[in-house]
Amino acid sequence: MYYWRPPLYNLMIIPVAQLIGWDNMLVAARLVTLTATTSSALLLAWFVRRLFGDKTFAAFTALIYLTLGDILFYRGWLCYSEPVFGLFVLMSIVFGWLALTENRYTYLAVAVLAVSAAFFSKALNAYVFYVIAMTVIAYSQRRWAFLFSWKSLLLNGLAFTLPLFWYRLVPAGAFQSHAMLADITSKLIPISGGKYLKHVLAYALQTMMMMMPVAGVVLYAFMRRQELGKWRAHPYVVTAMVIALVNYLPYLLSPESDARYIFPLLPFIAMTLAYLIFYGAPRVRGWSVKWIIVAIVLKFVFGILGFPFFHQQSRASFEPIAEDILRTVGNRQLYVTYVEGGAMSIVAHVDRLIYPKAPLIYPPSQFNDGFVISLPRDQNMGILVKKYSVGREEVYLRCKGTACIPSE
C-alpha cells in the first residue's frame, strides 16, 4: 500500500544499512535517528553561542535540550522520524534567523533547503513552523525589507512550490497530497466540550512533563522568590519564547494532537529555560545541574534496563495474537490493511514468524479469496472470523471466498 509520507528518512537509512549490512537495518535506522538528535544539540549550541557569545551558556542550553521529553531514552534514538524532522526544522529556523539578522542570502538558501528537507522527512507542517518563526523574527528585528526582497521571495517561493513538483513527480502523488492534508485536517474535527477541555488540560500537563525536571527547578525557584534570569532583558530570548508559544498554540487547541508533534519546538523551549536558570541566582544553577545529572542517570537506567523490560512485555502481548492468526489461517493466503499502532506490531510478528516467506502485503484490487488483518470498519474485506483487543484498539481477522471454509 502507498504510504503518505515522503521518503527522506528511509533514504537516509539505506546507505547506512548498505555499509553495516541489511541484517543490521534496525541498527542503521537507530544510527540515523541518534545522529539527528546529536546534531540538533550541537546545532543548538552553535546557534546559542553565535547569538549570546557565551560558550558555557551554549553548552548548558544543549544539555537542557537533551533532558527534555523522551529524547535520551526513547524517541531520540529509536526508529522515529521526529528527530530527523526536528533537526531540519531547527536548521531552517536557525539559518533563517541568522539570514534576517545578518542580511545574508546564503544563510536563507540553507534555511530553504532545510525546510524542504523537513517536508521530505515527514510532513507539510514543516512550512508552518518555518513561516511562523520567520514572521516573528522579522517583526522583532524589523527586517521586513529583507524578508520581502525579490531574492527572498524567490528562494522561499521555490521552497513552497517544491511539494507541488513532488506530488506531480511521484506515481502516488495525488494520494500522498490528499492523505497528508487529510492527516492535518483530521486533527481539527470538533469533539464534545467536555472531551475538548479534558484534551487541552491533558495536553498542557503532558507538555509540562516534557520540560521536567528543569521546568520544575524554574517553578520552584519562582515560588521561593529566588532570582531568575530576566527574559525581557534580551530580545533573542523573547523571540525564542514567542516562536515556541505561537507554534505550540495550534497543537494545544487542536481537538486531536499528540505531544510528539511539538518536537521541533524543544530547542527554543530549552533556550528559554536555560536563560532563566543560567543568568539567575547561583543556587538556581546549582539545583538545576544536580537535577539534570539525576535526570540523565535515570533516563539511561530506564533506557538500558526499563525499555527492554517493557519491550518484552509488549512482545509477550503481540506474539500470541500473531501465532493465533497463523494457526487460524493455516496454509491459506493472508493479507493486511491495518498497519498502525498495535496492529503494526502484530503484523511485524507475523512477518517474523513466516520468514523467509515474503512479508504480508495489501490485498489485490480484485480480492476474492483469503484472510485479511483489517480495521473494524473494513467490512468489504469479508466475513469477521476473530476480533483481537490491543490496548484501546481492535484488530479484526476477516476472510473471503474458499478461505472461509474450515480446513479439515
Protein backbone atom coordinates (compact mmCIF):
# COMPACT_ATOMS: atom_id res chain seq x y z
CA MET A 1 0.00 0.00 0.00
CA TYR A 2 1.10 3.57 -0.61
CA TYR A 3 2.42 5.48 2.38
CA TRP A 4 1.53 9.17 2.63
CA ARG A 5 4.89 10.40 3.92
CA PRO A 6 7.83 11.47 1.73
CA PRO A 7 10.76 9.04 1.94
CA LEU A 8 13.81 11.06 3.07
CA TYR A 9 14.09 9.25 6.42
CA ASN A 10 14.07 5.92 4.57
CA LEU A 11 16.61 7.16 2.03
CA MET A 12 18.94 8.19 4.86
CA ILE A 13 18.75 4.69 6.34
CA ILE A 14 19.64 2.90 3.09
CA PRO A 15 23.34 3.90 2.78
CA VAL A 16 23.94 3.12 6.46
CA ALA A 17 22.30 -0.30 6.05
CA GLN A 18 24.41 -0.94 2.95
CA LEU A 19 27.53 -0.04 4.93
CA ILE A 20 26.88 -2.18 8.02
CA GLY A 21 24.73 -4.85 6.36
CA TRP A 22 20.99 -5.19 5.81
CA ASP A 23 20.79 -7.71 8.65
CA ASN A 24 21.50 -4.70 10.88
CA MET A 25 18.83 -2.49 9.31
CA LEU A 26 17.28 -1.73 12.71
CA VAL A 27 20.67 -0.52 13.96
CA ALA A 28 21.07 1.55 10.79
CA ALA A 29 17.72 3.28 11.39
CA ARG A 30 18.65 3.98 15.01
CA LEU A 31 22.01 5.40 13.96
CA VAL A 32 20.24 7.87 11.67
CA THR A 33 17.88 8.92 14.47
CA LEU A 34 20.65 9.20 17.06
CA THR A 35 22.82 11.21 14.65
CA ALA A 36 19.91 13.62 14.09
CA THR A 37 19.41 14.02 17.85
CA THR A 38 23.10 14.68 18.46
CA SER A 39 23.27 17.05 15.50
CA SER A 40 20.30 19.03 16.84
CA ALA A 41 22.05 19.50 20.19
CA LEU A 42 25.29 20.59 18.50
CA LEU A 43 23.49 22.94 16.12
CA LEU A 44 21.59 24.49 19.03
CA ALA A 45 24.85 25.01 20.97
CA TRP A 46 26.50 26.63 17.93
CA PHE A 47 23.48 28.89 17.38
CA VAL A 48 23.25 29.99 21.03
CA ARG A 49 26.96 30.73 21.14
CA ARG A 50 26.57 32.75 17.94
CA LEU A 51 23.72 34.79 19.45
CA PHE A 52 24.97 35.28 23.00
CA GLY A 53 28.73 34.91 22.64
CA ASP A 54 28.94 32.63 25.70
CA LYS A 55 30.38 29.14 25.15
CA THR A 56 29.37 27.85 28.60
CA PHE A 57 25.78 29.05 28.22
CA ALA A 58 25.63 27.43 24.78
CA ALA A 59 26.74 24.06 26.19
CA PHE A 60 24.28 24.43 29.09
CA THR A 61 21.43 25.05 26.64
CA ALA A 62 22.29 21.96 24.60
CA LEU A 63 22.46 19.90 27.80
CA ILE A 64 19.00 21.04 28.88
CA TYR A 65 17.66 20.25 25.40
CA LEU A 66 18.84 16.65 25.74
CA THR A 67 16.99 16.26 29.06
CA LEU A 68 13.62 17.38 27.65
CA GLY A 69 10.86 14.90 26.89
CA ASP A 70 11.94 11.38 26.00
CA ILE A 71 14.91 12.42 23.87
CA LEU A 72 17.52 10.49 25.84
CA PHE A 73 15.76 7.20 26.43
CA TYR A 74 13.13 6.73 23.73
CA ARG A 75 12.28 8.91 20.77
CA GLY A 76 15.75 10.40 20.38
CA TRP A 77 17.40 7.14 19.34
CA LEU A 78 14.70 4.66 18.31
CA CYS A 79 13.37 4.44 14.76
CA TYR A 80 11.24 7.58 14.75
CA SER A 81 11.29 10.28 12.09
CA GLU A 82 10.69 13.09 14.63
CA PRO A 83 14.40 13.70 15.42
CA VAL A 84 15.24 13.95 11.70
CA PHE A 85 12.23 16.19 11.09
CA GLY A 86 13.12 18.26 14.15
CA LEU A 87 16.74 18.66 13.03
CA PHE A 88 15.73 20.07 9.64
CA VAL A 89 13.06 22.35 11.14
CA LEU A 90 15.63 23.64 13.64
CA MET A 91 18.15 24.17 10.84
CA SER A 92 15.60 26.10 8.76
CA ILE A 93 14.74 28.43 11.67
CA VAL A 94 18.36 28.86 12.81
CA PHE A 95 19.64 29.84 9.37
CA GLY A 96 16.51 31.85 8.62
CA TRP A 97 17.07 33.75 11.87
CA LEU A 98 20.72 34.42 11.02
CA ALA A 99 19.80 35.40 7.47
CA LEU A 100 17.39 38.05 8.73
CA THR A 101 19.79 39.26 11.44
CA GLU A 102 22.84 39.50 9.16
CA ASN A 103 21.16 40.16 5.77
CA ARG A 104 22.78 37.05 4.26
CA TYR A 105 21.06 35.29 1.39
CA THR A 106 23.43 32.33 1.61
CA TYR A 107 22.01 31.56 5.04
CA LEU A 108 18.49 31.97 3.66
CA ALA A 109 19.31 29.46 0.92
CA VAL A 110 20.40 26.97 3.60
CA ALA A 111 17.16 27.64 5.50
CA VAL A 112 15.11 26.99 2.37
CA LEU A 113 16.94 23.72 1.70
CA ALA A 114 16.45 22.70 5.34
CA VAL A 115 12.69 23.33 5.40
CA SER A 116 12.39 21.38 2.14
CA ALA A 117 14.32 18.50 3.72
CA ALA A 118 11.98 18.70 6.73
CA PHE A 119 8.99 18.28 4.41
CA PHE A 120 10.66 15.32 2.68
CA SER A 121 11.39 13.70 6.04
CA LYS A 122 7.84 13.83 7.39
CA ALA A 123 5.09 16.36 6.72
CA LEU A 124 3.83 19.69 5.39
CA ASN A 125 3.69 21.33 8.82
CA ALA A 126 7.44 21.98 8.48
CA TYR A 127 6.43 25.06 6.49
CA VAL A 128 4.13 26.22 9.29
CA PHE A 129 6.97 26.11 11.84
CA TYR A 130 9.21 27.97 9.39
CA VAL A 131 6.71 30.69 8.38
CA ILE A 132 5.69 31.46 11.96
CA ALA A 133 9.33 31.66 13.07
CA MET A 134 10.39 33.88 10.17
CA THR A 135 7.42 36.20 10.75
CA VAL A 136 8.19 36.52 14.47
CA ILE A 137 11.89 37.19 13.81
CA ALA A 138 11.19 39.72 11.06
CA TYR A 139 8.72 41.53 13.31
CA SER A 140 11.03 41.60 16.35
CA GLN A 141 14.00 42.86 14.30
CA ARG A 142 12.06 44.97 11.77
CA ARG A 143 13.56 43.01 8.87
CA TRP A 144 10.57 43.21 6.54
CA ALA A 145 12.63 44.73 3.74
CA PHE A 146 14.92 41.69 3.65
CA LEU A 147 12.08 39.18 4.07
CA PHE A 148 10.10 40.65 1.18
CA SER A 149 13.04 41.38 -1.13
CA TRP A 150 12.88 39.73 -4.54
CA LYS A 151 15.71 37.29 -3.70
CA SER A 152 14.00 36.23 -0.51
CA LEU A 153 10.64 35.82 -2.23
CA LEU A 154 12.27 33.77 -4.98
CA LEU A 155 14.07 31.42 -2.57
CA ASN A 156 11.07 30.98 -0.31
CA GLY A 157 8.78 30.62 -3.30
CA LEU A 158 10.88 27.74 -4.60
CA ALA A 159 10.64 26.04 -1.20
CA PHE A 160 6.87 26.39 -1.05
CA THR A 161 6.27 25.15 -4.59
CA LEU A 162 8.54 22.12 -4.11
CA PRO A 163 5.74 19.91 -2.68
CA LEU A 164 3.67 20.57 -5.81
CA PHE A 165 6.51 19.34 -8.04
CA TRP A 166 6.98 16.34 -5.75
CA TYR A 167 3.31 15.37 -5.92
CA ARG A 168 3.42 15.60 -9.71
CA LEU A 169 6.64 13.58 -9.88
CA VAL A 170 5.86 10.51 -7.76
CA PRO A 171 3.41 7.84 -9.00
CA ALA A 172 1.18 8.15 -5.90
CA GLY A 173 1.49 11.93 -5.67
CA ALA A 174 -2.26 12.65 -5.73
CA PHE A 175 -2.89 10.11 -2.99
CA GLN A 176 0.03 11.40 -0.93
CA SER A 177 -1.03 15.05 -1.15
CA HIS A 178 -4.62 14.26 -0.21
CA ALA A 179 -3.54 11.94 2.62
CA MET A 180 -1.10 14.47 4.08
CA LEU A 181 -3.73 17.22 4.05
CA ALA A 182 -6.31 14.83 5.49
CA ASP A 183 -3.85 13.90 8.24
CA ILE A 184 -3.71 17.58 9.23
CA THR A 185 -7.41 18.42 8.86
CA SER A 186 -8.50 15.26 10.71
CA LYS A 187 -6.93 16.74 13.85
CA LEU A 188 -9.38 19.66 13.62
CA ILE A 189 -12.62 17.65 13.73
CA PRO A 190 -14.74 19.05 16.60
CA ILE A 191 -15.43 16.94 19.68
CA SER A 192 -17.74 17.46 22.66
CA GLY A 193 -16.98 20.32 25.03
CA GLY A 194 -16.10 18.05 27.93
CA LYS A 195 -13.71 15.91 25.90
CA TYR A 196 -12.15 19.01 24.37
CA LEU A 197 -11.49 20.60 27.75
CA LYS A 198 -10.05 17.33 29.02
CA HIS A 199 -7.76 17.18 25.95
CA VAL A 200 -6.50 20.74 26.41
CA LEU A 201 -5.73 20.20 30.10
CA ALA A 202 -4.08 16.82 29.44
CA TYR A 203 -2.00 18.26 26.60
CA ALA A 204 -0.80 21.15 28.77
CA LEU A 205 0.12 18.68 31.51
CA GLN A 206 1.97 16.47 29.02
CA THR A 207 3.92 19.49 27.81
CA MET A 208 4.90 20.41 31.36
CA MET A 209 6.05 16.84 31.98
CA MET A 210 8.19 17.02 28.83
CA MET A 211 10.01 20.02 30.29
CA MET A 212 10.81 18.31 33.59
CA PRO A 213 12.95 18.41 35.67
CA VAL A 214 14.31 21.78 34.51
CA ALA A 215 10.91 23.47 34.39
CA GLY A 216 10.34 22.19 37.92
CA VAL A 217 13.50 23.95 39.07
CA VAL A 218 12.32 27.21 37.49
CA LEU A 219 8.87 26.88 39.06
CA TYR A 220 10.32 26.06 42.48
CA ALA A 221 12.79 28.95 42.29
CA PHE A 222 9.98 31.33 41.35
CA MET A 223 7.83 30.16 44.28
CA ARG A 224 10.80 30.55 46.66
CA ARG A 225 11.42 34.03 45.26
CA GLN A 226 14.87 33.08 44.01
CA GLU A 227 16.33 35.34 41.34
CA LEU A 228 15.88 34.10 37.77
CA GLY A 229 17.28 35.48 34.55
CA LYS A 230 15.15 38.36 33.30
CA TRP A 231 13.84 37.07 29.99
CA ARG A 232 12.72 40.52 28.86
CA ALA A 233 16.29 41.76 29.18
CA HIS A 234 17.37 40.00 25.99
CA PRO A 235 15.39 40.29 22.74
CA TYR A 236 16.57 36.89 21.49
CA VAL A 237 15.01 35.15 24.49
CA VAL A 238 11.71 36.93 23.85
CA THR A 239 11.87 35.89 20.20
CA ALA A 240 12.55 32.25 21.10
CA MET A 241 9.65 32.28 23.58
CA VAL A 242 7.21 33.75 21.04
CA ILE A 243 8.31 31.27 18.33
CA ALA A 244 7.69 28.37 20.72
CA LEU A 245 4.37 29.74 22.02
CA VAL A 246 2.78 30.69 18.69
CA ASN A 247 3.77 27.35 17.15
CA TYR A 248 2.54 25.49 20.23
CA LEU A 249 -0.94 27.00 20.41
CA PRO A 250 -2.40 25.21 17.32
CA TYR A 251 -1.42 21.86 18.82
CA LEU A 252 -2.74 22.77 22.26
CA LEU A 253 -6.06 23.97 20.84
CA SER A 254 -6.48 21.23 18.26
CA PRO A 255 -9.13 18.66 19.28
CA GLU A 256 -6.76 15.82 18.31
CA SER A 257 -2.98 16.12 18.70
CA ASP A 258 -0.03 14.32 20.23
CA ALA A 259 2.77 15.69 22.40
CA ARG A 260 5.38 14.43 19.92
CA TYR A 261 4.14 16.96 17.35
CA ILE A 262 5.89 19.78 19.25
CA PHE A 263 9.28 18.03 19.00
CA PRO A 264 10.73 20.81 16.77
CA LEU A 265 9.91 23.39 19.47
CA LEU A 266 12.04 21.76 22.18
CA PRO A 267 15.27 23.63 21.22
CA PHE A 268 13.54 27.00 21.71
CA ILE A 269 11.96 25.88 24.97
CA ALA A 270 15.43 24.75 26.07
CA MET A 271 16.92 28.13 25.16
CA THR A 272 14.32 29.94 27.28
CA LEU A 273 14.68 27.65 30.30
CA ALA A 274 18.47 27.76 30.07
CA TYR A 275 18.49 31.57 30.04
CA LEU A 276 16.23 31.82 33.11
CA ILE A 277 18.48 29.42 35.05
CA PHE A 278 21.96 30.31 33.78
CA TYR A 279 21.56 34.04 34.33
CA GLY A 280 19.70 33.61 37.62
CA ALA A 281 20.95 33.11 41.15
CA PRO A 282 23.88 30.69 41.75
CA ARG A 283 21.60 28.49 43.90
CA VAL A 284 19.20 28.03 40.98
CA ARG A 285 22.06 26.97 38.71
CA GLY A 286 23.27 24.55 41.38
CA TRP A 287 19.83 22.97 41.77
CA SER A 288 19.37 22.64 38.02
CA VAL A 289 22.77 20.98 37.46
CA LYS A 290 22.00 18.40 40.17
CA TRP A 291 18.58 17.63 38.72
CA ILE A 292 19.98 17.42 35.18
CA ILE A 293 22.52 14.84 36.40
CA VAL A 294 19.75 12.88 38.13
CA ALA A 295 17.57 13.05 35.00
CA ILE A 296 20.39 11.82 32.74
CA VAL A 297 21.25 8.93 35.07
CA LEU A 298 17.62 7.88 35.46
CA LYS A 299 16.93 8.10 31.73
CA PHE A 300 19.97 5.97 30.92
CA VAL A 301 18.89 3.44 33.55
CA PHE A 302 15.37 3.40 32.12
CA GLY A 303 16.71 3.15 28.57
CA ILE A 304 19.12 0.30 29.35
CA LEU A 305 17.04 -1.68 31.86
CA GLY A 306 13.46 -0.44 31.73
CA PHE A 307 12.97 -0.23 27.98
CA PRO A 308 13.99 -3.87 27.27
CA PHE A 309 11.61 -4.99 30.05
CA PHE A 310 8.65 -3.09 28.59
CA HIS A 311 9.65 -4.27 25.12
CA GLN A 312 9.49 -7.88 26.29
CA GLN A 313 6.09 -7.19 27.89
CA SER A 314 4.90 -5.70 24.60
CA ARG A 315 6.24 -8.67 22.66
CA ALA A 316 4.52 -11.03 25.08
CA SER A 317 1.15 -9.41 24.26
CA PHE A 318 1.56 -9.22 20.46
CA GLU A 319 3.29 -12.51 19.63
CA PRO A 320 0.46 -14.82 20.87
CA ILE A 321 -2.00 -12.92 18.66
CA ALA A 322 0.29 -13.34 15.65
CA GLU A 323 0.65 -17.05 16.39
CA ASP A 324 -3.15 -17.45 16.73
CA ILE A 325 -3.72 -15.68 13.41
CA LEU A 326 -1.26 -18.00 11.66
CA ARG A 327 -2.91 -21.09 13.22
CA THR A 328 -6.30 -19.88 12.02
CA VAL A 329 -5.08 -19.07 8.51
CA GLY A 330 -3.00 -22.22 8.05
CA ASN A 331 -1.69 -22.52 4.50
CA ARG A 332 -4.18 -20.06 3.03
CA GLN A 333 -3.33 -16.56 1.79
CA LEU A 334 -3.06 -13.78 4.38
CA TYR A 335 -3.11 -10.02 3.62
CA VAL A 336 -3.20 -6.86 5.73
CA THR A 337 -4.97 -3.48 5.50
CA TYR A 338 -4.26 -2.23 9.03
CA VAL A 339 -0.66 -1.22 9.76
CA GLU A 340 -0.98 1.36 12.53
CA GLY A 341 -0.44 1.23 16.28
CA GLY A 342 -0.77 -2.22 17.83
CA ALA A 343 -1.77 -3.79 14.52
CA MET A 344 1.63 -2.83 13.10
CA SER A 345 3.32 -4.80 15.90
CA ILE A 346 1.11 -7.83 15.25
CA VAL A 347 1.94 -7.72 11.54
CA ALA A 348 5.65 -7.37 12.36
CA HIS A 349 5.48 -10.55 14.47
CA VAL A 350 3.58 -12.35 11.69
CA ASP A 351 6.27 -11.33 9.20
CA ARG A 352 8.96 -12.57 11.56
CA LEU A 353 7.21 -15.91 12.16
CA ILE A 354 6.67 -16.64 8.44
CA TYR A 355 10.24 -15.64 7.43
CA PRO A 356 11.81 -16.47 4.94
CA LYS A 357 8.45 -16.16 3.19
CA ALA A 358 7.65 -12.70 1.84
CA PRO A 359 6.09 -10.23 4.32
CA LEU A 360 2.37 -9.52 4.28
CA ILE A 361 1.07 -7.18 1.58
CA TYR A 362 -2.13 -5.26 0.83
CA PRO A 363 -4.90 -7.30 -0.86
CA PRO A 364 -5.12 -7.08 -4.65
CA SER A 365 -7.77 -4.82 -6.20
CA GLN A 366 -9.82 -7.88 -7.15
CA PHE A 367 -9.69 -9.56 -3.75
CA ASN A 368 -11.94 -12.62 -3.69
CA ASP A 369 -10.18 -15.25 -1.62
CA GLY A 370 -8.03 -15.19 1.53
CA PHE A 371 -7.71 -13.74 5.02
CA VAL A 372 -7.12 -10.09 5.94
CA ILE A 373 -5.88 -8.38 9.11
CA SER A 374 -8.12 -5.33 8.93
CA LEU A 375 -9.65 -2.31 10.59
CA PRO A 376 -13.07 -2.79 12.23
CA ARG A 377 -14.69 -0.67 9.52
CA ASP A 378 -13.24 -2.69 6.60
CA GLN A 379 -16.39 -4.77 6.14
CA ASN A 380 -15.72 -5.11 2.43
CA MET A 381 -12.74 -7.27 3.36
CA GLY A 382 -15.06 -10.20 4.12
CA ILE A 383 -16.64 -12.11 6.98
CA LEU A 384 -15.45 -11.49 10.53
CA VAL A 385 -13.52 -14.50 11.82
CA LYS A 386 -11.90 -13.21 15.03
CA LYS A 387 -11.52 -9.96 16.94
CA TYR A 388 -8.42 -9.09 18.97
CA SER A 389 -8.12 -6.31 21.53
CA VAL A 390 -4.77 -4.50 21.61
CA GLY A 391 -4.90 -1.85 24.32
CA ARG A 392 -7.64 0.54 23.21
CA GLU A 393 -7.56 -0.76 19.63
CA GLU A 394 -9.43 -3.58 17.97
CA VAL A 395 -7.88 -5.66 15.21
CA TYR A 396 -10.10 -7.83 13.04
CA LEU A 397 -9.29 -11.00 11.10
CA ARG A 398 -11.65 -11.40 8.12
CA CYS A 399 -11.96 -13.87 5.29
CA LYS A 400 -13.38 -14.17 1.78
CA GLY A 401 -14.14 -17.00 -0.62
CA THR A 402 -12.88 -20.54 -0.03
CA ALA A 403 -10.65 -19.31 2.78
CA CYS A 404 -13.79 -19.13 4.94
CA ILE A 405 -14.39 -22.90 4.59
CA PRO A 406 -12.82 -24.66 7.61
CA SER A 407 -9.91 -26.86 6.63
CA GLU A 408 -10.04 -30.50 7.64
